[in-house]
Amino acid sequence: MAKVQANFRLDGEAKKKAYAVFKQMGIKPTDAVNMFIHHVAMYGELPFKPSVPNAETIAALEEAEQHPERMTRYTFEEWEKSLDDLQ
């Protein structure tokens, strides 16, 4: 199979985070892109289900961006405890 070069423009912050994940997984970014391309070629679909957010979700995202001080942040342990408390 012949290899070809492709150039893409990526969001810098997303690239940085993704490359860190690839490193943890022990794969090269090129391998990850090839896996994505092969999946689309083989199955004729993306390897995830994209969706369009509804109006309520869009409004919540916009509010979070405009007023980050209103957002409640939890550690995983706090979140896990809150689930335990519900039971």
N, C-alpha and C. Protein backbone atom coordinates (compact mmCIF):
# COMPACT_ATOMS: atom_id res chain seq x y z
N MET A 1 0.85 -1.16 0.00
CA MET A 1 0.00 0.00 0.00
C MET A 1 0.91 1.24 0.00
N ALA A 2 0.72 2.11 -0.97
CA ALA A 2 1.54 3.32 -1.09
C ALA A 2 1.15 4.34 -0.03
N LYS A 3 2.15 4.94 0.56
CA LYS A 3 1.91 5.99 1.55
C LYS A 3 1.93 7.34 0.84
N VAL A 4 1.04 8.23 1.24
CA VAL A 4 1.00 9.58 0.71
C VAL A 4 1.04 10.55 1.87
N GLN A 5 1.51 11.74 1.59
CA GLN A 5 1.56 12.76 2.63
C GLN A 5 0.30 13.61 2.57
N ALA A 6 -0.22 13.98 3.73
CA ALA A 6 -1.39 14.85 3.82
C ALA A 6 -1.09 15.93 4.85
N ASN A 7 -1.55 17.12 4.59
CA ASN A 7 -1.35 18.22 5.53
C ASN A 7 -2.71 18.71 6.02
N PHE A 8 -2.82 18.92 7.33
CA PHE A 8 -4.07 19.35 7.94
C PHE A 8 -3.79 20.51 8.88
N ARG A 9 -4.75 21.39 9.01
CA ARG A 9 -4.67 22.45 10.02
C ARG A 9 -5.49 21.98 11.21
N LEU A 10 -4.89 22.06 12.39
CA LEU A 10 -5.53 21.58 13.61
C LEU A 10 -5.60 22.68 14.64
N ASP A 11 -6.57 22.57 15.53
CA ASP A 11 -6.62 23.44 16.69
C ASP A 11 -5.42 23.11 17.56
N GLY A 12 -4.61 24.11 17.88
CA GLY A 12 -3.37 23.88 18.60
C GLY A 12 -3.53 23.23 19.96
N GLU A 13 -4.52 23.68 20.73
CA GLU A 13 -4.73 23.13 22.07
C GLU A 13 -5.22 21.69 21.99
N ALA A 14 -6.14 21.41 21.05
CA ALA A 14 -6.64 20.04 20.89
C ALA A 14 -5.51 19.11 20.46
N LYS A 15 -4.65 19.59 19.56
CA LYS A 15 -3.52 18.78 19.10
C LYS A 15 -2.61 18.43 20.28
N LYS A 16 -2.29 19.42 21.10
CA LYS A 16 -1.41 19.21 22.24
C LYS A 16 -1.98 18.14 23.18
N LYS A 17 -3.27 18.25 23.48
CA LYS A 17 -3.91 17.28 24.37
C LYS A 17 -3.97 15.89 23.74
N ALA A 18 -4.31 15.83 22.46
CA ALA A 18 -4.41 14.54 21.77
C ALA A 18 -3.05 13.86 21.70
N TYR A 19 -2.00 14.62 21.39
CA TYR A 19 -0.66 14.04 21.30
C TYR A 19 -0.25 13.46 22.65
N ALA A 20 -0.64 14.11 23.74
CA ALA A 20 -0.33 13.59 25.07
C ALA A 20 -1.04 12.25 25.30
N VAL A 21 -2.28 12.15 24.84
CA VAL A 21 -3.03 10.89 24.98
C VAL A 21 -2.38 9.81 24.13
N PHE A 22 -2.00 10.15 22.89
CA PHE A 22 -1.35 9.16 22.03
C PHE A 22 -0.07 8.64 22.68
N LYS A 23 0.68 9.54 23.30
CA LYS A 23 1.92 9.14 23.96
C LYS A 23 1.62 8.15 25.09
N GLN A 24 0.58 8.43 25.88
CA GLN A 24 0.20 7.51 26.96
C GLN A 24 -0.22 6.15 26.41
N MET A 25 -0.84 6.16 25.23
CA MET A 25 -1.30 4.92 24.61
C MET A 25 -0.17 4.18 23.90
N GLY A 26 0.95 4.87 23.71
CA GLY A 26 2.08 4.24 23.03
C GLY A 26 1.94 4.19 21.53
N ILE A 27 1.15 5.11 20.97
CA ILE A 27 1.01 5.16 19.51
C ILE A 27 1.45 6.52 18.99
N LYS A 28 1.85 6.54 17.73
CA LYS A 28 2.26 7.78 17.10
C LYS A 28 1.01 8.50 16.57
N PRO A 29 1.06 9.83 16.51
CA PRO A 29 -0.09 10.56 15.94
C PRO A 29 -0.45 10.08 14.53
N THR A 30 0.56 9.75 13.74
CA THR A 30 0.30 9.24 12.39
C THR A 30 -0.50 7.96 12.44
N ASP A 31 -0.19 7.09 13.41
CA ASP A 31 -0.94 5.84 13.55
C ASP A 31 -2.39 6.11 13.91
N ALA A 32 -2.61 7.09 14.80
CA ALA A 32 -3.98 7.43 15.20
C ALA A 32 -4.78 7.95 14.01
N VAL A 33 -4.16 8.81 13.21
CA VAL A 33 -4.86 9.34 12.03
C VAL A 33 -5.14 8.21 11.05
N ASN A 34 -4.17 7.32 10.85
CA ASN A 34 -4.40 6.18 9.95
C ASN A 34 -5.52 5.28 10.44
N MET A 35 -5.61 5.08 11.77
CA MET A 35 -6.70 4.27 12.32
C MET A 35 -8.04 4.92 12.02
N PHE A 36 -8.10 6.24 12.19
CA PHE A 36 -9.33 6.98 11.90
C PHE A 36 -9.70 6.83 10.42
N ILE A 37 -8.74 7.07 9.53
CA ILE A 37 -8.99 7.00 8.08
C ILE A 37 -9.41 5.60 7.67
N HIS A 38 -8.73 4.58 8.20
CA HIS A 38 -9.08 3.20 7.85
C HIS A 38 -10.49 2.85 8.34
N HIS A 39 -10.86 3.31 9.51
CA HIS A 39 -12.21 3.03 10.01
C HIS A 39 -13.25 3.64 9.06
N VAL A 40 -13.05 4.89 8.69
CA VAL A 40 -14.00 5.56 7.77
C VAL A 40 -14.04 4.82 6.44
N ALA A 41 -12.88 4.43 5.91
CA ALA A 41 -12.83 3.72 4.63
C ALA A 41 -13.51 2.36 4.70
N MET A 42 -13.32 1.64 5.81
CA MET A 42 -13.88 0.29 5.94
C MET A 42 -15.39 0.29 6.20
N TYR A 43 -15.84 1.21 7.06
CA TYR A 43 -17.23 1.16 7.50
C TYR A 43 -18.11 2.27 6.92
N GLY A 44 -17.49 3.24 6.25
CA GLY A 44 -18.27 4.32 5.66
C GLY A 44 -18.92 5.23 6.69
N GLU A 45 -18.31 5.31 7.87
CA GLU A 45 -18.85 6.15 8.93
C GLU A 45 -17.73 6.59 9.85
N LEU A 46 -18.00 7.63 10.62
CA LEU A 46 -17.04 8.08 11.61
C LEU A 46 -17.00 7.08 12.77
N PRO A 47 -15.88 7.00 13.50
CA PRO A 47 -15.81 6.07 14.62
C PRO A 47 -16.49 6.59 15.89
N PHE A 48 -17.31 7.60 15.74
CA PHE A 48 -18.09 8.16 16.85
C PHE A 48 -19.34 8.77 16.24
N LYS A 49 -20.33 9.02 17.04
CA LYS A 49 -21.59 9.56 16.54
C LYS A 49 -21.64 11.07 16.79
N PRO A 50 -21.43 11.87 15.74
CA PRO A 50 -21.54 13.32 15.94
C PRO A 50 -23.00 13.71 16.15
N SER A 51 -23.21 14.74 16.91
CA SER A 51 -24.57 15.19 17.14
C SER A 51 -24.60 16.71 17.19
N VAL A 52 -25.76 17.24 16.90
CA VAL A 52 -25.96 18.68 16.94
C VAL A 52 -26.61 19.01 18.27
N PRO A 53 -26.01 19.90 19.06
CA PRO A 53 -26.62 20.23 20.35
C PRO A 53 -27.94 20.96 20.17
N ASN A 54 -28.88 20.70 21.08
CA ASN A 54 -30.16 21.40 21.02
C ASN A 54 -30.02 22.80 21.60
N ALA A 55 -31.07 23.59 21.51
CA ALA A 55 -31.03 24.99 21.95
C ALA A 55 -30.68 25.11 23.43
N GLU A 56 -31.19 24.21 24.25
CA GLU A 56 -30.91 24.27 25.69
C GLU A 56 -29.42 24.04 25.97
N THR A 57 -28.84 23.07 25.27
CA THR A 57 -27.42 22.79 25.45
C THR A 57 -26.57 23.95 24.96
N ILE A 58 -26.92 24.52 23.82
CA ILE A 58 -26.19 25.67 23.28
C ILE A 58 -26.23 26.83 24.27
N ALA A 59 -27.40 27.10 24.84
CA ALA A 59 -27.54 28.19 25.81
C ALA A 59 -26.67 27.92 27.05
N ALA A 60 -26.64 26.69 27.51
CA ALA A 60 -25.83 26.35 28.68
C ALA A 60 -24.34 26.51 28.38
N LEU A 61 -23.91 26.10 27.20
CA LEU A 61 -22.51 26.26 26.82
C LEU A 61 -22.12 27.73 26.71
N GLU A 62 -23.01 28.52 26.13
CA GLU A 62 -22.74 29.95 26.00
C GLU A 62 -22.66 30.61 27.38
N GLU A 63 -23.56 30.23 28.28
CA GLU A 63 -23.53 30.79 29.63
C GLU A 63 -22.24 30.41 30.35
N ALA A 64 -21.82 29.16 30.17
CA ALA A 64 -20.58 28.70 30.81
C ALA A 64 -19.38 29.49 30.30
N GLU A 65 -19.36 29.79 29.01
CA GLU A 65 -18.26 30.57 28.44
C GLU A 65 -18.27 32.01 28.94
N GLN A 66 -19.46 32.58 29.06
CA GLN A 66 -19.59 33.99 29.45
C GLN A 66 -19.43 34.19 30.95
N HIS A 67 -19.78 33.17 31.75
CA HIS A 67 -19.76 33.29 33.21
C HIS A 67 -19.12 32.06 33.85
N PRO A 68 -17.82 31.85 33.63
CA PRO A 68 -17.19 30.65 34.20
C PRO A 68 -17.24 30.61 35.73
N GLU A 69 -17.38 31.79 36.35
CA GLU A 69 -17.44 31.82 37.82
C GLU A 69 -18.71 31.16 38.36
N ARG A 70 -19.72 31.01 37.52
CA ARG A 70 -20.97 30.37 37.94
C ARG A 70 -20.90 28.84 37.89
N MET A 71 -19.87 28.32 37.25
CA MET A 71 -19.78 26.88 37.06
C MET A 71 -19.24 26.22 38.33
N THR A 72 -19.86 25.14 38.73
CA THR A 72 -19.41 24.38 39.90
C THR A 72 -18.44 23.31 39.41
N ARG A 73 -17.28 23.27 40.03
CA ARG A 73 -16.28 22.28 39.66
C ARG A 73 -16.11 21.27 40.79
N TYR A 74 -16.00 20.01 40.38
CA TYR A 74 -15.83 18.94 41.34
C TYR A 74 -14.63 18.10 40.96
N THR A 75 -13.95 17.56 41.94
CA THR A 75 -12.95 16.55 41.67
C THR A 75 -13.68 15.24 41.39
N PHE A 76 -12.97 14.29 40.83
CA PHE A 76 -13.60 12.99 40.56
C PHE A 76 -14.09 12.37 41.86
N GLU A 77 -13.28 12.49 42.90
CA GLU A 77 -13.65 11.89 44.19
C GLU A 77 -14.94 12.53 44.73
N GLU A 78 -15.07 13.86 44.61
CA GLU A 78 -16.29 14.54 45.07
C GLU A 78 -17.50 14.08 44.26
N TRP A 79 -17.31 13.96 42.97
CA TRP A 79 -18.40 13.52 42.09
C TRP A 79 -18.81 12.09 42.44
N GLU A 80 -17.80 11.23 42.62
CA GLU A 80 -18.08 9.84 42.96
C GLU A 80 -18.84 9.73 44.29
N LYS A 81 -18.43 10.54 45.28
CA LYS A 81 -19.10 10.54 46.57
C LYS A 81 -20.55 11.00 46.43
N SER A 82 -20.79 12.00 45.59
CA SER A 82 -22.16 12.48 45.40
C SER A 82 -23.05 11.39 44.80
N LEU A 83 -22.47 10.53 43.95
CA LEU A 83 -23.23 9.41 43.41
C LEU A 83 -23.55 8.40 44.51
N ASP A 84 -22.56 8.16 45.37
CA ASP A 84 -22.78 7.23 46.48
C ASP A 84 -23.87 7.75 47.40
N ASP A 85 -23.90 9.07 47.63
CA ASP A 85 -24.89 9.67 48.50
C ASP A 85 -26.30 9.55 47.95
N LEU A 86 -26.42 9.44 46.62
CA LEU A 86 -27.75 9.29 46.00
C LEU A 86 -28.34 7.90 46.24
N GLN A 87 -27.49 6.94 46.53
CA GLN A 87 -27.97 5.56 46.69
C GLN A 87 -28.42 5.25 48.09
